[in-house]
């Protein structure tokens, strides 16, 4: 897997997103405000796929799930199950390392109101496709939310109806990859307890066991 062929830091293929990032950079000069690269090892056993950078999270820090509420539970859980060197991701320069793990997003750029449109998800799908096709047989892809799940299915060229999203649902593919679903660790989902810490931990425990059994 190569970062150079799976990501374009200067991508402006989506006019609405490019224009919005220009506006955000003007409003917040210290923010990263560019397409956010994936973070972690190049050939992971676990690839986590989120939705898109958050305004005051990855869009500000330049690292997925760093600086916003969604990252709190994610990095605590990564550390608990041996995928991260620390339980907190504080900044892009804090020295945190992922272990046999990589984090990416279905959409690389911050969308207005945190809601990308279908055309933007489809345009960015090529980058996700490159990452998925660079994984080794037996790797686990963890989709955070239904949009990330659908983006993975599309990037693999599969039929959406054949692989419905469901929390802690496992899908196995002919190419040897496994897709594991989870509700997104967003503030809304955790505060409404649609996703509890116990539920999230169960998904990661399953992912760890799947990788060990490979």
C-alpha atoms as a PDB file:
ATOM      1  CA  UNK A   1       0.000   0.000   0.000  1.00  0.00           C
ATOM      2  CA  UNK A   2       1.383   3.430  -0.946  1.00  0.00           C
ATOM      3  CA  UNK A   3       0.279   6.759   0.503  1.00  0.00           C
ATOM      4  CA  UNK A   4       1.295   8.409  -2.775  1.00  0.00           C
ATOM      5  CA  UNK A   5      -1.214   6.441  -4.808  1.00  0.00           C
ATOM      6  CA  UNK A   6      -3.941   6.290  -2.177  1.00  0.00           C
ATOM      7  CA  UNK A   7      -4.134   9.981  -1.290  1.00  0.00           C
ATOM      8  CA  UNK A   8      -3.826  13.400  -2.908  1.00  0.00           C
ATOM      9  CA  UNK A   9      -3.114  16.199  -0.435  1.00  0.00           C
ATOM     10  CA  UNK A  10      -3.973  18.785  -3.093  1.00  0.00           C
ATOM     11  CA  UNK A  11      -7.207  17.150  -4.274  1.00  0.00           C
ATOM     12  CA  UNK A  12      -9.921  19.655  -5.257  1.00  0.00           C
ATOM     13  CA  UNK A  13     -12.129  17.259  -7.197  1.00  0.00           C
ATOM     14  CA  UNK A  14     -15.249  18.219  -5.228  1.00  0.00           C
ATOM     15  CA  UNK A  15     -15.974  21.940  -5.800  1.00  0.00           C
ATOM     16  CA  UNK A  16     -18.291  22.312  -2.797  1.00  0.00           C
ATOM     17  CA  UNK A  17     -15.747  20.786  -0.421  1.00  0.00           C
ATOM     18  CA  UNK A  18     -12.789  22.679  -1.877  1.00  0.00           C
ATOM     19  CA  UNK A  19     -14.623  25.995  -1.591  1.00  0.00           C
ATOM     20  CA  UNK A  20     -15.729  25.202   1.945  1.00  0.00           C
ATOM     21  CA  UNK A  21     -12.172  24.359   3.009  1.00  0.00           C
ATOM     22  CA  UNK A  22     -10.948  27.649   1.573  1.00  0.00           C
ATOM     23  CA  UNK A  23     -13.552  29.452   3.691  1.00  0.00           C
ATOM     24  CA  UNK A  24     -12.676  27.460   6.821  1.00  0.00           C
ATOM     25  CA  UNK A  25      -8.963  28.196   6.371  1.00  0.00           C
ATOM     26  CA  UNK A  26      -9.741  31.897   6.124  1.00  0.00           C
ATOM     27  CA  UNK A  27     -11.870  31.737   9.291  1.00  0.00           C
ATOM     28  CA  UNK A  28      -9.399  29.520  11.193  1.00  0.00           C
ATOM     29  CA  UNK A  29      -5.882  30.252   9.870  1.00  0.00           C
ATOM     30  CA  UNK A  30      -4.259  27.857  12.353  1.00  0.00           C
ATOM     31  CA  UNK A  31      -6.402  24.900  11.277  1.00  0.00           C
ATOM     32  CA  UNK A  32      -5.073  22.190   8.960  1.00  0.00           C
ATOM     33  CA  UNK A  33      -8.097  22.668   6.647  1.00  0.00           C
ATOM     34  CA  UNK A  34      -6.976  20.362   3.827  1.00  0.00           C
ATOM     35  CA  UNK A  35      -7.774  16.808   2.757  1.00  0.00           C
ATOM     36  CA  UNK A  36      -6.824  14.697   5.780  1.00  0.00           C
ATOM     37  CA  UNK A  37      -4.447  11.769   5.152  1.00  0.00           C
ATOM     38  CA  UNK A  38      -4.845   8.335   6.673  1.00  0.00           C
ATOM     39  CA  UNK A  39      -2.939   7.665   9.875  1.00  0.00           C
ATOM     40  CA  UNK A  40      -1.138   4.509  10.970  1.00  0.00           C
ATOM     41  CA  UNK A  41       0.937   1.663   9.584  1.00  0.00           C
ATOM     42  CA  UNK A  42       1.127   1.105   5.838  1.00  0.00           C
ATOM     43  CA  UNK A  43      -0.001  -2.547   5.818  1.00  0.00           C
ATOM     44  CA  UNK A  44      -2.356  -2.925   8.792  1.00  0.00           C
ATOM     45  CA  UNK A  45      -4.231  -5.913  10.099  1.00  0.00           C
ATOM     46  CA  UNK A  46      -7.017  -3.507  11.063  1.00  0.00           C
ATOM     47  CA  UNK A  47      -8.187  -0.660   8.827  1.00  0.00           C
ATOM     48  CA  UNK A  48     -10.719   1.650  10.479  1.00  0.00           C
ATOM     49  CA  UNK A  49     -12.951   3.634   8.124  1.00  0.00           C
ATOM     50  CA  UNK A  50     -14.759   6.696   9.470  1.00  0.00           C
ATOM     51  CA  UNK A  51     -17.058   9.131   7.682  1.00  0.00           C
ATOM     52  CA  UNK A  52     -15.196  12.440   7.247  1.00  0.00           C
ATOM     53  CA  UNK A  53     -13.013  14.893   9.207  1.00  0.00           C
ATOM     54  CA  UNK A  54     -14.777  16.914  11.910  1.00  0.00           C
ATOM     55  CA  UNK A  55     -14.625  20.713  11.887  1.00  0.00           C
ATOM     56  CA  UNK A  56     -12.694  21.070  15.154  1.00  0.00           C
ATOM     57  CA  UNK A  57     -11.174  17.596  15.088  1.00  0.00           C
ATOM     58  CA  UNK A  58      -9.253  16.156  12.148  1.00  0.00           C
ATOM     59  CA  UNK A  59      -9.887  19.269  10.071  1.00  0.00           C
ATOM     60  CA  UNK A  60      -8.052  21.270  12.742  1.00  0.00           C
ATOM     61  CA  UNK A  61      -5.343  18.758  13.685  1.00  0.00           C
ATOM     62  CA  UNK A  62      -4.666  16.967  10.396  1.00  0.00           C
ATOM     63  CA  UNK A  63      -5.038  13.521  12.022  1.00  0.00           C
ATOM     64  CA  UNK A  64      -8.217  11.393  11.874  1.00  0.00           C
ATOM     65  CA  UNK A  65     -10.344  11.511  15.049  1.00  0.00           C
ATOM     66  CA  UNK A  66      -7.956  13.880  16.811  1.00  0.00           C
ATOM     67  CA  UNK A  67      -9.327  16.913  18.623  1.00  0.00           C
ATOM     68  CA  UNK A  68     -13.018  16.078  18.809  1.00  0.00           C
ATOM     69  CA  UNK A  69     -15.368  14.015  20.957  1.00  0.00           C
ATOM     70  CA  UNK A  70     -15.520  11.044  18.582  1.00  0.00           C
ATOM     71  CA  UNK A  71     -11.818  10.400  19.024  1.00  0.00           C
ATOM     72  CA  UNK A  72     -11.965  10.080  22.809  1.00  0.00           C
ATOM     73  CA  UNK A  73     -13.642   6.674  22.899  1.00  0.00           C
ATOM     74  CA  UNK A  74     -11.878   5.503  19.737  1.00  0.00           C
ATOM     75  CA  UNK A  75      -8.313   6.055  20.961  1.00  0.00           C
ATOM     76  CA  UNK A  76      -9.084   4.776  24.458  1.00  0.00           C
ATOM     77  CA  UNK A  77     -10.406   1.597  22.872  1.00  0.00           C
ATOM     78  CA  UNK A  78      -7.510   1.277  20.430  1.00  0.00           C
ATOM     79  CA  UNK A  79      -5.082   1.443  23.351  1.00  0.00           C
ATOM     80  CA  UNK A  80      -7.082  -1.044  25.446  1.00  0.00           C
ATOM     81  CA  UNK A  81      -6.935  -3.648  22.686  1.00  0.00           C
ATOM     82  CA  UNK A  82      -3.309  -3.127  21.743  1.00  0.00           C
ATOM     83  CA  UNK A  83      -3.720  -1.042  18.591  1.00  0.00           C
ATOM     84  CA  UNK A  84      -2.332   2.256  19.921  1.00  0.00           C
ATOM     85  CA  UNK A  85       0.691   3.334  21.953  1.00  0.00           C
ATOM     86  CA  UNK A  86      -1.387   5.779  24.044  1.00  0.00           C
ATOM     87  CA  UNK A  87      -5.050   6.208  25.080  1.00  0.00           C
ATOM     88  CA  UNK A  88      -5.299   9.821  23.895  1.00  0.00           C
ATOM     89  CA  UNK A  89      -4.606  11.467  20.552  1.00  0.00           C
ATOM     90  CA  UNK A  90      -3.848  15.062  21.461  1.00  0.00           C
ATOM     91  CA  UNK A  91      -2.211  16.472  18.328  1.00  0.00           C
ATOM     92  CA  UNK A  92      -0.532  15.493  15.094  1.00  0.00           C
ATOM     93  CA  UNK A  93       2.847  15.775  16.829  1.00  0.00           C
ATOM     94  CA  UNK A  94       2.160  14.016  20.147  1.00  0.00           C
ATOM     95  CA  UNK A  95       4.188  10.919  19.257  1.00  0.00           C
ATOM     96  CA  UNK A  96       1.240   8.521  19.349  1.00  0.00           C
ATOM     97  CA  UNK A  97       1.736   5.436  17.159  1.00  0.00           C
ATOM     98  CA  UNK A  98      -0.806   2.956  15.891  1.00  0.00           C
ATOM     99  CA  UNK A  99       0.081  -0.730  16.103  1.00  0.00           C
ATOM    100  CA  UNK A 100      -1.010  -2.989  13.214  1.00  0.00           C
ATOM    101  CA  UNK A 101      -3.745  -0.426  12.587  1.00  0.00           C
ATOM    102  CA  UNK A 102      -4.603   2.401  10.219  1.00  0.00           C
ATOM    103  CA  UNK A 103      -7.413   4.978  10.290  1.00  0.00           C
ATOM    104  CA  UNK A 104      -8.940   6.563   7.208  1.00  0.00           C
ATOM    105  CA  UNK A 105     -12.213   8.206   6.169  1.00  0.00           C
ATOM    106  CA  UNK A 106     -14.733   7.593   3.422  1.00  0.00           C
ATOM    107  CA  UNK A 107     -14.439  11.312   2.590  1.00  0.00           C
ATOM    108  CA  UNK A 108     -11.067  13.013   3.088  1.00  0.00           C
ATOM    109  CA  UNK A 109     -12.335  16.610   3.333  1.00  0.00           C
ATOM    110  CA  UNK A 110     -14.488  18.367   5.910  1.00  0.00           C
ATOM    111  CA  UNK A 111     -18.070  18.635   4.554  1.00  0.00           C
ATOM    112  CA  UNK A 112     -20.475  21.452   5.487  1.00  0.00           C
ATOM    113  CA  UNK A 113     -22.610  20.461   8.494  1.00  0.00           C
ATOM    114  CA  UNK A 114     -20.518  17.258   8.616  1.00  0.00           C
ATOM    115  CA  UNK A 115     -22.705  15.840   5.834  1.00  0.00           C
ATOM    116  CA  UNK A 116     -21.052  14.865   2.545  1.00  0.00           C
ATOM    117  CA  UNK A 117     -23.330  14.406  -0.440  1.00  0.00           C
ATOM    118  CA  UNK A 118     -23.434  11.237  -2.505  1.00  0.00           C
ATOM    119  CA  UNK A 119     -21.340  12.607  -5.350  1.00  0.00           C
ATOM    120  CA  UNK A 120     -18.553  13.552  -2.916  1.00  0.00           C
ATOM    121  CA  UNK A 121     -18.557  10.114  -1.311  1.00  0.00           C
ATOM    122  CA  UNK A 122     -18.378   8.550  -4.774  1.00  0.00           C
ATOM    123  CA  UNK A 123     -15.566  10.833  -5.950  1.00  0.00           C
ATOM    124  CA  UNK A 124     -13.453  10.092  -2.869  1.00  0.00           C
ATOM    125  CA  UNK A 125     -14.108   6.367  -3.139  1.00  0.00           C
ATOM    126  CA  UNK A 126     -11.071   5.874  -5.373  1.00  0.00           C
ATOM    127  CA  UNK A 127      -8.746   6.640  -2.457  1.00  0.00           C
ATOM    128  CA  UNK A 128     -10.521   4.148  -0.210  1.00  0.00           C
ATOM    129  CA  UNK A 129     -10.406   1.570  -3.008  1.00  0.00           C
ATOM    130  CA  UNK A 130      -6.609   1.908  -3.246  1.00  0.00           C
ATOM    131  CA  UNK A 131      -6.265   1.350   0.493  1.00  0.00           C
ATOM    132  CA  UNK A 132      -8.576  -1.651   0.557  1.00  0.00           C
ATOM    133  CA  UNK A 133      -6.898  -3.351  -2.374  1.00  0.00           C
ATOM    134  CA  UNK A 134      -3.526  -2.927  -0.667  1.00  0.00           C
ATOM    135  CA  UNK A 135      -4.577  -4.919   2.412  1.00  0.00           C
ATOM    136  CA  UNK A 136      -3.321  -8.438   2.917  1.00  0.00           C
ATOM    137  CA  UNK A 137      -5.630 -11.469   2.950  1.00  0.00           C
ATOM    138  CA  UNK A 138      -7.204 -11.853   6.383  1.00  0.00           C
ATOM    139  CA  UNK A 139      -7.135  -8.151   7.279  1.00  0.00           C
ATOM    140  CA  UNK A 140     -10.151  -6.692   9.059  1.00  0.00           C
ATOM    141  CA  UNK A 141     -11.870  -3.512   7.907  1.00  0.00           C
ATOM    142  CA  UNK A 142     -13.883  -1.800  10.638  1.00  0.00           C
ATOM    143  CA  UNK A 143     -16.564   0.555   9.316  1.00  0.00           C
ATOM    144  CA  UNK A 144     -17.785   3.221  11.723  1.00  0.00           C
ATOM    145  CA  UNK A 145     -21.364   3.876  10.635  1.00  0.00           C
ATOM    146  CA  UNK A 146     -23.483   2.960   7.644  1.00  0.00           C
ATOM    147  CA  UNK A 147     -21.991   5.535   5.255  1.00  0.00           C
ATOM    148  CA  UNK A 148     -18.491   4.178   5.864  1.00  0.00           C
ATOM    149  CA  UNK A 149     -19.856   0.647   5.459  1.00  0.00           C
ATOM    150  CA  UNK A 150     -21.483   1.513   2.137  1.00  0.00           C
ATOM    151  CA  UNK A 151     -18.310   3.232   0.949  1.00  0.00           C
ATOM    152  CA  UNK A 152     -16.301   0.069   1.667  1.00  0.00           C
ATOM    153  CA  UNK A 153     -18.787  -2.116  -0.217  1.00  0.00           C
ATOM    154  CA  UNK A 154     -18.686   0.256  -3.185  1.00  0.00           C
ATOM    155  CA  UNK A 155     -14.880   0.432  -3.158  1.00  0.00           C
ATOM    156  CA  UNK A 156     -14.739  -3.368  -3.334  1.00  0.00           C
ATOM    157  CA  UNK A 157     -17.164  -3.400  -6.277  1.00  0.00           C
ATOM    158  CA  UNK A 158     -19.804  -5.394  -4.402  1.00  0.00           C
ATOM    159  CA  UNK A 159     -23.608  -5.163  -4.193  1.00  0.00           C
ATOM    160  CA  UNK A 160     -24.893  -3.093  -1.272  1.00  0.00           C
ATOM    161  CA  UNK A 161     -27.991  -5.245  -0.747  1.00  0.00           C
ATOM    162  CA  UNK A 162     -25.871  -8.349  -0.269  1.00  0.00           C
ATOM    163  CA  UNK A 163     -24.059  -6.841   2.738  1.00  0.00           C
ATOM    164  CA  UNK A 164     -26.441  -4.898   5.010  1.00  0.00           C
ATOM    165  CA  UNK A 165     -25.014  -2.741   7.795  1.00  0.00           C
ATOM    166  CA  UNK A 166     -25.507  -3.895  11.366  1.00  0.00           C
ATOM    167  CA  UNK A 167     -23.668  -3.157  14.592  1.00  0.00           C
ATOM    168  CA  UNK A 168     -21.049  -5.858  15.295  1.00  0.00           C
ATOM    169  CA  UNK A 169     -22.054  -7.550  12.039  1.00  0.00           C
ATOM    170  CA  UNK A 170     -19.270  -9.457  10.267  1.00  0.00           C
ATOM    171  CA  UNK A 171     -19.059  -9.793   6.479  1.00  0.00           C
ATOM    172  CA  UNK A 172     -16.505 -12.064   4.821  1.00  0.00           C
ATOM    173  CA  UNK A 173     -15.442 -11.595   1.198  1.00  0.00           C
ATOM    174  CA  UNK A 174     -13.980 -13.872  -1.451  1.00  0.00           C
ATOM    175  CA  UNK A 175     -10.731 -11.875  -1.498  1.00  0.00           C
ATOM    176  CA  UNK A 176     -10.040 -12.803   2.127  1.00  0.00           C
ATOM    177  CA  UNK A 177     -10.943  -9.454   3.690  1.00  0.00           C
ATOM    178  CA  UNK A 178     -13.403  -9.238   6.566  1.00  0.00           C
ATOM    179  CA  UNK A 179     -15.662  -6.232   7.168  1.00  0.00           C
ATOM    180  CA  UNK A 180     -16.837  -5.587  10.712  1.00  0.00           C
ATOM    181  CA  UNK A 181     -19.458  -2.901  11.365  1.00  0.00           C
ATOM    182  CA  UNK A 182     -19.957  -0.595  14.330  1.00  0.00           C
ATOM    183  CA  UNK A 183     -22.152   2.346  15.097  1.00  0.00           C
ATOM    184  CA  UNK A 184     -20.076   5.517  14.780  1.00  0.00           C
ATOM    185  CA  UNK A 185     -18.463   6.748  18.012  1.00  0.00           C
ATOM    186  CA  UNK A 186     -19.994  10.205  17.584  1.00  0.00           C
ATOM    187  CA  UNK A 187     -21.043  12.435  20.463  1.00  0.00           C
ATOM    188  CA  UNK A 188     -24.702  11.880  19.563  1.00  0.00           C
ATOM    189  CA  UNK A 189     -24.433   8.080  19.538  1.00  0.00           C
ATOM    190  CA  UNK A 190     -22.493   7.863  22.794  1.00  0.00           C
ATOM    191  CA  UNK A 191     -24.571  10.428  24.682  1.00  0.00           C
ATOM    192  CA  UNK A 192     -27.866   8.815  23.620  1.00  0.00           C
ATOM    193  CA  UNK A 193     -26.315   5.421  24.442  1.00  0.00           C
ATOM    194  CA  UNK A 194     -27.082   4.055  21.036  1.00  0.00           C
ATOM    195  CA  UNK A 195     -23.417   3.092  21.308  1.00  0.00           C
ATOM    196  CA  UNK A 196     -22.108   2.258  24.772  1.00  0.00           C
ATOM    197  CA  UNK A 197     -18.488   1.726  25.738  1.00  0.00           C
ATOM    198  CA  UNK A 198     -19.246  -1.957  26.310  1.00  0.00           C
ATOM    199  CA  UNK A 199     -20.727  -2.290  22.820  1.00  0.00           C
ATOM    200  CA  UNK A 200     -17.725  -0.573  21.242  1.00  0.00           C
ATOM    201  CA  UNK A 201     -15.263  -2.691  23.186  1.00  0.00           C
ATOM    202  CA  UNK A 202     -17.028  -5.841  22.031  1.00  0.00           C
ATOM    203  CA  UNK A 203     -16.434  -4.879  18.399  1.00  0.00           C
ATOM    204  CA  UNK A 204     -12.728  -4.275  18.959  1.00  0.00           C
ATOM    205  CA  UNK A 205     -12.331  -7.462  20.961  1.00  0.00           C
ATOM    206  CA  UNK A 206     -13.855  -9.313  18.016  1.00  0.00           C
ATOM    207  CA  UNK A 207     -11.566  -7.535  15.544  1.00  0.00           C
ATOM    208  CA  UNK A 208      -8.499  -8.400  17.640  1.00  0.00           C
ATOM    209  CA  UNK A 209      -9.531 -12.050  17.823  1.00  0.00           C
ATOM    210  CA  UNK A 210     -10.180 -12.227  14.078  1.00  0.00           C
ATOM    211  CA  UNK A 211      -6.709 -10.844  13.340  1.00  0.00           C
ATOM    212  CA  UNK A 212      -5.036 -13.214  15.823  1.00  0.00           C
ATOM    213  CA  UNK A 213      -6.841 -16.196  14.298  1.00  0.00           C
ATOM    214  CA  UNK A 214      -5.672 -15.350  10.784  1.00  0.00           C
END
